[in-house]
């Protein structure tokens, strides 16, 4: 839910890297999940504790494009 993205970022706390920003009109946020399912479980726990309702959540492996954009510094937004 777009109206809860700021609250979601706050609830996620240190799971969100400092380079994650919300673009105007954003309706989603992506975070790195270095521990895979463990990070996903912790994110769900924090969001539930904060009363944040989700429309969707997913865990996926980054594509080669994602990796390239991250390494070159062009993929550092939500």
C-alpha atoms as a PDB file:
ATOM      1  CA  UNK A   1       0.000   0.000   0.000  1.00  0.00           C
ATOM      2  CA  UNK A   2       1.531   3.226  -1.174  1.00  0.00           C
ATOM      3  CA  UNK A   3       0.194   5.178   1.808  1.00  0.00           C
ATOM      4  CA  UNK A   4       2.156   2.972   4.229  1.00  0.00           C
ATOM      5  CA  UNK A   5       5.567   2.834   2.522  1.00  0.00           C
ATOM      6  CA  UNK A   6       7.210   5.340   4.855  1.00  0.00           C
ATOM      7  CA  UNK A   7       5.895   3.479   7.882  1.00  0.00           C
ATOM      8  CA  UNK A   8       7.097   0.202   6.366  1.00  0.00           C
ATOM      9  CA  UNK A   9      10.623   1.562   5.915  1.00  0.00           C
ATOM     10  CA  UNK A  10      10.625   2.736   9.523  1.00  0.00           C
ATOM     11  CA  UNK A  11       9.383  -0.661  10.736  1.00  0.00           C
ATOM     12  CA  UNK A  12      12.014  -2.504   8.703  1.00  0.00           C
ATOM     13  CA  UNK A  13      14.720  -0.444  10.388  1.00  0.00           C
ATOM     14  CA  UNK A  14      18.214  -1.814   9.835  1.00  0.00           C
ATOM     15  CA  UNK A  15      16.994  -4.295   7.204  1.00  0.00           C
ATOM     16  CA  UNK A  16      16.813  -1.308   4.845  1.00  0.00           C
ATOM     17  CA  UNK A  17      20.135  -0.075   3.519  1.00  0.00           C
ATOM     18  CA  UNK A  18      20.703   3.691   3.698  1.00  0.00           C
ATOM     19  CA  UNK A  19      20.657   4.002  -0.098  1.00  0.00           C
ATOM     20  CA  UNK A  20      16.988   2.940  -0.392  1.00  0.00           C
ATOM     21  CA  UNK A  21      14.796   5.932  -1.197  1.00  0.00           C
ATOM     22  CA  UNK A  22      11.144   6.287  -2.101  1.00  0.00           C
ATOM     23  CA  UNK A  23      10.433   7.816  -5.469  1.00  0.00           C
ATOM     24  CA  UNK A  24       7.362  10.078  -5.716  1.00  0.00           C
ATOM     25  CA  UNK A  25       4.352   7.893  -6.452  1.00  0.00           C
ATOM     26  CA  UNK A  26       6.179   4.691  -5.518  1.00  0.00           C
ATOM     27  CA  UNK A  27       3.980   1.754  -4.635  1.00  0.00           C
ATOM     28  CA  UNK A  28       6.671  -0.705  -3.523  1.00  0.00           C
ATOM     29  CA  UNK A  29      10.037  -0.970  -1.864  1.00  0.00           C
ATOM     30  CA  UNK A  30      12.801  -3.495  -2.481  1.00  0.00           C
ATOM     31  CA  UNK A  31      15.395  -4.419   0.089  1.00  0.00           C
ATOM     32  CA  UNK A  32      18.426  -6.671  -0.015  1.00  0.00           C
ATOM     33  CA  UNK A  33      17.931 -10.027   1.683  1.00  0.00           C
ATOM     34  CA  UNK A  34      21.436 -11.316   2.438  1.00  0.00           C
ATOM     35  CA  UNK A  35      20.047 -14.155   4.576  1.00  0.00           C
ATOM     36  CA  UNK A  36      17.297 -15.026   2.092  1.00  0.00           C
ATOM     37  CA  UNK A  37      14.346 -16.591   3.927  1.00  0.00           C
ATOM     38  CA  UNK A  38      15.697 -15.401   7.293  1.00  0.00           C
ATOM     39  CA  UNK A  39      15.578 -11.778   6.143  1.00  0.00           C
ATOM     40  CA  UNK A  40      12.094 -12.311   4.708  1.00  0.00           C
ATOM     41  CA  UNK A  41      10.860 -13.802   7.996  1.00  0.00           C
ATOM     42  CA  UNK A  42      12.319 -10.923  10.008  1.00  0.00           C
ATOM     43  CA  UNK A  43      10.798  -8.367   7.624  1.00  0.00           C
ATOM     44  CA  UNK A  44       7.374 -10.005   7.981  1.00  0.00           C
ATOM     45  CA  UNK A  45       7.687 -10.083  11.772  1.00  0.00           C
ATOM     46  CA  UNK A  46       8.576  -6.381  11.925  1.00  0.00           C
ATOM     47  CA  UNK A  47       5.861  -5.321   9.509  1.00  0.00           C
ATOM     48  CA  UNK A  48       3.236  -7.359  11.357  1.00  0.00           C
ATOM     49  CA  UNK A  49       4.305  -5.872  14.703  1.00  0.00           C
ATOM     50  CA  UNK A  50       3.917  -2.376  13.201  1.00  0.00           C
ATOM     51  CA  UNK A  51       0.454  -3.168  11.828  1.00  0.00           C
ATOM     52  CA  UNK A  52       1.556  -2.697   8.216  1.00  0.00           C
ATOM     53  CA  UNK A  53      -0.757  -4.406   5.721  1.00  0.00           C
ATOM     54  CA  UNK A  54       0.931  -5.862   2.648  1.00  0.00           C
ATOM     55  CA  UNK A  55      -0.521  -6.324  -0.802  1.00  0.00           C
ATOM     56  CA  UNK A  56       2.342  -8.648  -1.754  1.00  0.00           C
ATOM     57  CA  UNK A  57       5.769  -9.793  -0.635  1.00  0.00           C
ATOM     58  CA  UNK A  58       8.283 -11.877  -2.543  1.00  0.00           C
ATOM     59  CA  UNK A  59      11.807 -13.203  -2.320  1.00  0.00           C
ATOM     60  CA  UNK A  60      13.678 -13.374  -5.590  1.00  0.00           C
ATOM     61  CA  UNK A  61      17.196 -13.754  -6.842  1.00  0.00           C
ATOM     62  CA  UNK A  62      18.627 -10.685  -8.553  1.00  0.00           C
ATOM     63  CA  UNK A  63      18.900 -10.734 -12.332  1.00  0.00           C
ATOM     64  CA  UNK A  64      22.168  -9.936 -14.092  1.00  0.00           C
ATOM     65  CA  UNK A  65      20.714  -6.495 -14.848  1.00  0.00           C
ATOM     66  CA  UNK A  66      20.005  -5.955 -11.145  1.00  0.00           C
ATOM     67  CA  UNK A  67      23.582  -6.903 -10.239  1.00  0.00           C
ATOM     68  CA  UNK A  68      25.070  -4.671 -12.932  1.00  0.00           C
ATOM     69  CA  UNK A  69      22.934  -1.696 -11.894  1.00  0.00           C
ATOM     70  CA  UNK A  70      23.794  -2.235  -8.239  1.00  0.00           C
ATOM     71  CA  UNK A  71      27.540  -2.512  -8.861  1.00  0.00           C
ATOM     72  CA  UNK A  72      27.616   0.527 -11.113  1.00  0.00           C
ATOM     73  CA  UNK A  73      25.549   2.562  -8.653  1.00  0.00           C
ATOM     74  CA  UNK A  74      22.544   3.011 -10.933  1.00  0.00           C
ATOM     75  CA  UNK A  75      20.185   0.682  -9.109  1.00  0.00           C
ATOM     76  CA  UNK A  76      20.112   2.384  -5.727  1.00  0.00           C
ATOM     77  CA  UNK A  77      16.464   3.355  -5.392  1.00  0.00           C
ATOM     78  CA  UNK A  78      13.271   1.600  -4.382  1.00  0.00           C
END
